[in-house]
Amino acid sequence: MALVEMRGVSKVFPASSRGGSPVRAIDGVDLDVEAGDIYGIVGYSGAGKSTLIRLVNALESATTGSIRVDGTEIVGLRERQLQRVRLGIGMIFQQFNLLRSRTVYGNVMYPLQVAGVDKREAHARVAEMLQFVGLAEKAHTYTDQLSGGQKQRVGIARALATSPKLLLADESTSALDPETTQEVLALLRRVNEELGLTIIVITHEMEVVKSIADKVAVMEAGRIVERGPVFDVFSAPEQPVTRRFVSTIIDDVPEAEALAALRTRHPGRFVRIAFRDEGVRQADVFAELIRRDVTFELVHGGMEDVGGRTFGNLTLSLQGADAEVDAALAAIGARIDTQELR
């Protein structure tokens, strides 16, 4: 069941100056986020991903199209009705957006006070959420005294306070160092697995998507240009923008200049082999080369693991009799994607 359904959604902002042109930030987007998903939405700056997430929680109103959240059509709702919908949506931010005048406890309590939750129930909920994110001992600390990772944990606890079904994370790890990023992502995975929340993660970092998401959509110029399970999109990207993103975590074919430099150090014929978790192992490839008395060196590339499945690209330099190299490449190429680099 889709918790979030978008059909033909567009968002056009008016021109910022007289004589200027309107800006189409979102252009005909269809999107389904199933209950229980961790769904990554990636794109470069200006792709429209942050606008898209603001449409989901109705901080922006769609110009055209339909947006359903947990079965409720939110396009056209009045503000009072939208407030009720937003109680089921938690939000965490890149810059934390915490209240400096309140303690950790007060920040997590705030949305419960706004929602009019009974005081006893609210106090119990705050204590529960601080325990969940590992900050019970920091309850009476002011946020200025916290590290970046601790601030984001407060943000997560606050977002969870009203027991939402949907959590939106807008560049929630961009301000954190790599180690802290992994800690926060592990916490979000716990939120998904233990509390059953659906999470939409907005990011420009493919490492974040690889670490946490089940599915991914790639945005460019306000449109979703590619989507699917993370492994499928990462291992066989179709669009140029997706290939650029994937290249940040896994090497593909060396660029012309790099390839020329490699040839000066490694004699032989160069071949790129794309492993896609298809049952063909590196050992199988190497055994075929050895069987035909073809020597090889790994000169470029690497392998990645996504959700327990591996993929990657290895560039090998092969030396041997031309007939044997040809025969080896034919045998390997019949089972796995192989490209000789000229």
Protein backbone atom coordinates (compact mmCIF):
# COMPACT_ATOMS: atom_id res chain seq x y z
CA MET A 1 0.00 0.00 0.00
CA ALA A 2 1.31 3.44 -0.95
CA LEU A 3 1.56 5.83 1.98
CA VAL A 4 2.44 8.71 -0.39
CA GLU A 5 0.95 8.93 -3.89
CA MET A 6 1.75 11.75 -6.30
CA ARG A 7 0.18 12.01 -9.74
CA GLY A 8 1.00 14.66 -12.33
CA VAL A 9 2.35 17.01 -9.67
CA SER A 10 3.82 20.32 -10.75
CA LYS A 11 4.93 23.38 -8.81
CA VAL A 12 5.42 26.69 -10.56
CA PHE A 13 6.78 29.68 -8.66
CA PRO A 14 5.95 33.16 -9.96
CA ALA A 15 8.66 35.27 -11.55
CA SER A 16 10.92 36.86 -8.94
CA SER A 17 11.08 40.15 -10.82
CA ARG A 18 9.03 42.14 -13.31
CA GLY A 19 9.60 40.78 -16.78
CA GLY A 20 11.07 37.55 -15.44
CA SER A 21 9.77 34.07 -16.15
CA PRO A 22 7.94 31.75 -13.76
CA VAL A 23 10.05 28.92 -12.38
CA ARG A 24 8.78 25.36 -12.86
CA ALA A 25 10.43 23.66 -9.88
CA ILE A 26 8.45 20.41 -10.16
CA ASP A 27 7.31 19.19 -13.55
CA GLY A 28 4.75 16.40 -13.83
CA VAL A 29 6.00 14.07 -11.09
CA ASP A 30 4.42 10.68 -10.39
CA LEU A 31 5.68 8.91 -7.28
CA ASP A 32 4.56 6.06 -5.01
CA VAL A 33 6.20 5.52 -1.62
CA GLU A 34 5.02 2.26 -0.10
CA ALA A 35 4.36 1.94 3.63
CA GLY A 36 7.55 0.72 5.30
CA ASP A 37 9.89 2.00 2.59
CA ILE A 38 13.02 4.01 3.10
CA TYR A 39 12.89 5.95 -0.15
CA GLY A 40 15.83 8.08 -1.25
CA ILE A 41 15.35 11.05 -3.56
CA VAL A 42 18.61 12.35 -5.03
CA GLY A 43 19.49 15.22 -7.29
CA TYR A 44 21.96 18.01 -7.71
CA SER A 45 21.24 21.50 -6.38
CA GLY A 46 18.20 22.94 -8.14
CA ALA A 47 16.83 19.56 -9.21
CA GLY A 48 13.64 20.13 -7.21
CA LYS A 49 14.03 17.53 -4.49
CA SER A 50 13.56 19.88 -1.52
CA THR A 51 10.51 21.46 -3.17
CA LEU A 52 9.10 17.97 -3.67
CA ILE A 53 9.39 17.12 0.01
CA ARG A 54 7.75 20.44 0.98
CA LEU A 55 4.80 19.46 -1.22
CA VAL A 56 4.43 16.20 0.69
CA ASN A 57 3.97 17.98 4.03
CA ALA A 58 2.06 20.86 2.40
CA LEU A 59 4.56 23.56 3.32
CA GLU A 60 4.17 24.37 -0.37
CA SER A 61 0.97 23.90 -2.36
CA ALA A 62 1.03 22.06 -5.69
CA THR A 63 0.17 24.06 -8.80
CA THR A 64 -1.33 21.00 -10.49
CA GLY A 65 -1.78 17.33 -9.72
CA SER A 66 -2.81 15.09 -6.86
CA ILE A 67 -0.95 14.29 -3.62
CA ARG A 68 -2.35 11.68 -1.25
CA VAL A 69 -0.76 11.07 2.15
CA ASP A 70 -2.04 8.06 4.09
CA GLY A 71 -5.14 8.06 1.90
CA THR A 72 -5.95 11.77 2.31
CA GLU A 73 -5.86 14.10 -0.69
CA ILE A 74 -3.98 17.15 0.59
CA VAL A 75 -4.15 19.36 -2.51
CA GLY A 76 -6.86 21.91 -1.88
CA LEU A 77 -7.18 21.33 1.88
CA ARG A 78 -7.55 24.33 4.17
CA GLU A 79 -4.83 25.14 6.68
CA ARG A 80 -6.75 23.73 9.65
CA GLN A 81 -7.22 20.43 7.82
CA LEU A 82 -3.57 20.41 6.79
CA GLN A 83 -2.50 20.79 10.41
CA ARG A 84 -4.16 17.47 11.22
CA VAL A 85 -2.38 15.80 8.29
CA ARG A 86 0.98 17.21 9.40
CA LEU A 87 0.61 15.55 12.81
CA GLY A 88 1.21 12.29 10.97
CA ILE A 89 4.38 13.60 9.29
CA GLY A 90 7.68 14.13 11.11
CA MET A 91 10.46 16.30 9.64
CA ILE A 92 14.19 16.51 10.28
CA PHE A 93 16.44 19.15 8.77
CA GLN A 94 20.03 19.74 7.67
CA GLN A 95 20.60 22.55 10.19
CA PHE A 96 18.58 20.86 12.96
CA ASN A 97 16.17 23.83 13.48
CA LEU A 98 16.19 23.42 17.26
CA LEU A 99 14.94 26.06 19.70
CA ARG A 100 18.00 27.50 21.46
CA SER A 101 15.90 28.86 24.32
CA ARG A 102 14.72 25.35 25.25
CA THR A 103 16.51 22.35 26.67
CA VAL A 104 16.66 19.03 24.85
CA TYR A 105 13.55 17.99 26.80
CA GLY A 106 11.77 21.22 25.89
CA ASN A 107 12.53 20.82 22.20
CA VAL A 108 11.03 17.33 22.09
CA MET A 109 8.06 18.48 24.18
CA TYR A 110 7.28 21.41 21.85
CA PRO A 111 5.32 19.58 19.09
CA LEU A 112 3.30 17.75 21.75
CA GLN A 113 2.33 21.06 23.35
CA VAL A 114 1.32 22.45 19.96
CA ALA A 115 -0.79 19.33 19.35
CA GLY A 116 -2.53 19.73 22.71
CA VAL A 117 -1.41 16.35 24.06
CA ASP A 118 -2.27 15.67 27.73
CA LYS A 119 0.64 16.76 29.94
CA ARG A 120 1.19 13.38 31.61
CA GLU A 121 1.08 11.57 28.28
CA ALA A 122 3.40 14.15 26.73
CA HIS A 123 6.03 13.79 29.47
CA ALA A 124 5.96 10.00 29.09
CA ARG A 125 6.37 10.34 25.33
CA VAL A 126 9.33 12.72 25.61
CA ALA A 127 11.09 10.39 28.05
CA GLU A 128 10.46 7.45 25.72
CA MET A 129 11.84 9.24 22.67
CA LEU A 130 14.95 10.53 24.44
CA GLN A 131 15.65 7.00 25.62
CA PHE A 132 15.17 5.72 22.07
CA VAL A 133 17.70 8.14 20.55
CA GLY A 134 20.17 7.69 23.41
CA LEU A 135 19.94 11.15 24.94
CA ALA A 136 18.08 10.55 28.21
CA GLU A 137 21.05 11.89 30.18
CA LYS A 138 21.02 15.12 28.12
CA ALA A 139 17.37 15.94 28.83
CA HIS A 140 18.08 19.17 30.72
CA THR A 141 21.00 20.32 28.55
CA TYR A 142 20.58 23.30 26.23
CA THR A 143 21.13 22.56 22.57
CA ASP A 144 24.12 24.90 22.20
CA GLN A 145 26.07 22.46 24.38
CA LEU A 146 25.49 19.51 22.07
CA SER A 147 27.55 18.11 19.20
CA GLY A 148 26.13 18.05 15.68
CA GLY A 149 25.24 14.39 15.95
CA GLN A 150 23.50 14.93 19.28
CA LYS A 151 21.54 17.86 17.84
CA GLN A 152 20.32 15.68 14.99
CA ARG A 153 19.28 13.01 17.49
CA VAL A 154 17.20 15.65 19.25
CA GLY A 155 15.71 16.56 15.88
CA ILE A 156 14.80 12.93 15.28
CA ALA A 157 13.27 12.57 18.75
CA ARG A 158 11.23 15.73 18.19
CA ALA A 159 10.06 14.49 14.78
CA LEU A 160 8.93 11.20 16.35
CA ALA A 161 7.18 12.78 19.34
CA THR A 162 3.70 12.92 17.79
CA SER A 163 3.91 9.26 16.61
CA PRO A 164 3.88 10.02 12.87
CA LYS A 165 3.60 7.36 10.17
CA LEU A 166 5.90 9.25 7.79
CA LEU A 167 9.31 10.80 8.43
CA LEU A 168 10.84 13.29 5.99
CA ALA A 169 14.61 13.83 6.17
CA ASP A 170 15.85 16.81 4.15
CA GLU A 171 19.65 16.62 3.77
CA SER A 172 19.67 15.49 7.40
CA THR A 173 23.32 14.35 7.41
CA SER A 174 24.92 16.99 5.16
CA ALA A 175 26.22 19.01 8.13
CA LEU A 176 27.76 15.99 9.85
CA ASP A 177 31.15 14.28 9.62
CA PRO A 178 31.29 10.79 8.04
CA GLU A 179 31.35 8.83 11.32
CA THR A 180 28.45 10.78 12.80
CA THR A 181 26.57 10.45 9.51
CA GLN A 182 26.74 6.66 9.79
CA GLU A 183 25.48 6.81 13.40
CA VAL A 184 22.50 8.95 12.39
CA LEU A 185 21.73 6.70 9.42
CA ALA A 186 21.83 3.65 11.71
CA LEU A 187 19.34 5.41 13.99
CA LEU A 188 17.04 6.14 11.06
CA ARG A 189 17.21 2.47 10.09
CA ARG A 190 16.13 1.60 13.66
CA VAL A 191 13.25 4.06 13.35
CA ASN A 192 12.14 2.26 10.21
CA GLU A 193 12.57 -1.28 11.54
CA GLU A 194 11.49 -0.92 15.16
CA LEU A 195 8.85 1.81 14.94
CA GLY A 196 7.59 0.93 11.46
CA LEU A 197 7.90 4.44 10.02
CA THR A 198 8.08 5.12 6.31
CA ILE A 199 11.02 7.46 5.58
CA ILE A 200 11.71 9.71 2.61
CA VAL A 201 15.34 10.81 2.50
CA ILE A 202 16.30 13.85 0.41
CA THR A 203 20.02 13.94 -0.33
CA HIS A 204 22.70 14.68 -2.91
CA GLU A 205 24.96 11.97 -1.46
CA MET A 206 24.75 8.53 -3.03
CA GLU A 207 26.61 7.07 -0.05
CA VAL A 208 23.59 7.97 2.11
CA VAL A 209 21.22 6.25 -0.32
CA LYS A 210 23.48 3.19 -0.49
CA SER A 211 23.65 2.97 3.31
CA ILE A 212 19.98 3.24 4.14
CA ALA A 213 17.47 3.32 1.28
CA ASP A 214 15.46 0.47 -0.24
CA LYS A 215 14.38 2.46 -3.31
CA VAL A 216 15.63 5.59 -5.01
CA ALA A 217 14.37 8.24 -7.42
CA VAL A 218 16.79 10.49 -9.30
CA MET A 219 15.61 14.03 -10.05
CA GLU A 220 16.79 16.47 -12.70
CA ALA A 221 15.18 19.77 -13.73
CA GLY A 222 12.07 19.09 -11.64
CA ARG A 223 11.43 15.61 -13.04
CA ILE A 224 12.09 12.08 -11.86
CA VAL A 225 14.31 10.67 -14.59
CA GLU A 226 15.08 7.26 -13.09
CA ARG A 227 13.73 5.20 -10.21
CA GLY A 228 13.69 1.71 -8.77
CA PRO A 229 15.27 -0.53 -6.13
CA VAL A 230 18.61 0.90 -5.06
CA PHE A 231 20.62 -2.09 -6.29
CA ASP A 232 19.01 -2.00 -9.74
CA VAL A 233 19.58 1.74 -10.21
CA PHE A 234 23.13 1.68 -8.86
CA SER A 235 24.27 -1.40 -10.74
CA ALA A 236 22.80 -0.45 -14.13
CA PRO A 237 22.18 3.33 -14.28
CA GLU A 238 20.49 4.43 -17.49
CA GLN A 239 20.47 8.24 -17.37
CA PRO A 240 23.63 10.40 -17.57
CA VAL A 241 22.78 12.16 -14.30
CA THR A 242 22.38 8.81 -12.56
CA ARG A 243 25.70 7.59 -13.92
CA ARG A 244 27.36 10.73 -12.57
CA PHE A 245 25.91 10.06 -9.13
CA VAL A 246 26.86 6.39 -9.16
CA SER A 247 30.42 7.26 -10.23
CA THR A 248 30.90 8.97 -6.86
CA ILE A 249 30.79 5.59 -5.11
CA ILE A 250 31.98 3.14 -7.77
CA ASP A 251 34.48 3.50 -10.64
CA ASP A 252 33.32 2.79 -14.18
CA VAL A 253 35.49 2.88 -17.31
CA PRO A 254 38.59 5.07 -16.82
CA GLU A 255 38.40 8.47 -18.50
CA ALA A 256 40.52 8.87 -21.66
CA GLU A 257 43.39 10.65 -19.90
CA ALA A 258 43.46 8.15 -17.03
CA LEU A 259 43.27 5.26 -19.48
CA ALA A 260 46.23 6.60 -21.45
CA ALA A 261 48.25 6.91 -18.24
CA LEU A 262 47.39 3.33 -17.24
CA ARG A 263 48.54 2.02 -20.62
CA THR A 264 51.99 3.52 -20.06
CA ARG A 265 52.37 1.42 -16.90
CA HIS A 266 50.52 -1.75 -17.86
CA PRO A 267 51.11 -3.51 -21.21
CA GLY A 268 48.43 -5.71 -22.71
CA ARG A 269 44.82 -5.49 -23.83
CA PHE A 270 42.45 -3.65 -21.51
CA VAL A 271 39.01 -5.03 -20.75
CA ARG A 272 36.29 -3.75 -18.41
CA ILE A 273 34.12 -6.42 -16.76
CA ALA A 274 30.84 -5.37 -15.10
CA PHE A 275 29.80 -7.62 -12.20
CA ARG A 276 26.09 -7.42 -11.40
CA ASP A 277 25.45 -10.14 -8.79
CA GLU A 278 24.44 -12.50 -11.59
CA GLY A 279 26.16 -15.61 -10.25
CA VAL A 280 29.40 -14.94 -12.16
CA ARG A 281 32.13 -14.42 -9.59
CA GLN A 282 35.50 -12.81 -9.98
CA ALA A 283 37.00 -16.26 -9.35
CA ASP A 284 35.09 -17.63 -12.36
CA VAL A 285 36.51 -14.92 -14.62
CA PHE A 286 40.05 -15.35 -13.33
CA ALA A 287 39.84 -19.14 -13.70
CA GLU A 288 38.88 -18.77 -17.38
CA LEU A 289 41.87 -16.49 -18.00
CA ILE A 290 44.27 -18.84 -16.20
CA ARG A 291 42.88 -21.84 -18.08
CA ARG A 292 43.84 -20.15 -21.35
CA ASP A 293 47.27 -19.08 -20.06
CA VAL A 294 46.29 -15.39 -20.12
CA THR A 295 48.01 -13.32 -17.44
CA PHE A 296 46.10 -10.37 -15.97
CA GLU A 297 46.45 -7.34 -13.73
CA LEU A 298 43.68 -5.37 -12.04
CA VAL A 299 44.39 -1.75 -13.05
CA HIS A 300 41.16 0.12 -12.25
CA GLY A 301 37.75 -0.21 -10.60
CA GLY A 302 36.19 -1.67 -7.49
CA MET A 303 33.23 -3.52 -6.00
CA GLU A 304 30.36 -2.30 -3.80
CA ASP A 305 27.84 -4.03 -1.55
CA VAL A 306 24.22 -2.83 -1.51
CA GLY A 307 21.81 -4.68 0.71
CA GLY A 308 23.94 -7.81 0.68
CA ARG A 309 24.28 -7.84 -3.12
CA THR A 310 27.48 -6.88 -4.91
CA PHE A 311 28.20 -5.01 -8.11
CA GLY A 312 31.14 -3.23 -9.60
CA ASN A 313 33.46 -2.69 -12.56
CA LEU A 314 36.95 -4.10 -12.88
CA THR A 315 39.38 -3.05 -15.62
CA LEU A 316 41.99 -5.72 -16.32
CA SER A 317 45.14 -5.66 -18.42
CA LEU A 318 45.43 -8.99 -20.27
CA GLN A 319 48.56 -10.52 -21.81
CA GLY A 320 48.79 -13.70 -23.83
CA ALA A 321 48.44 -15.06 -27.33
CA ASP A 322 45.81 -13.04 -29.22
CA ALA A 323 43.80 -16.16 -30.05
CA GLU A 324 43.69 -17.21 -26.41
CA VAL A 325 42.76 -13.71 -25.22
CA ASP A 326 40.01 -13.59 -27.86
CA ALA A 327 38.70 -17.00 -26.79
CA ALA A 328 38.76 -16.03 -23.10
CA LEU A 329 36.89 -12.78 -23.76
CA ALA A 330 34.30 -14.63 -25.85
CA ALA A 331 33.72 -17.17 -23.08
CA ILE A 332 33.53 -14.51 -20.35
CA GLY A 333 31.42 -12.17 -22.50
CA ALA A 334 28.82 -14.91 -23.03
CA ARG A 335 28.11 -14.87 -19.29
CA ILE A 336 28.76 -11.31 -18.15
CA ASP A 337 28.96 -7.75 -19.55
CA THR A 338 32.47 -7.36 -20.99
CA GLN A 339 33.94 -4.44 -22.94
CA GLU A 340 37.39 -4.29 -24.49
CA LEU A 341 38.79 -0.77 -24.21
CA ARG A 342 40.43 0.41 -27.42
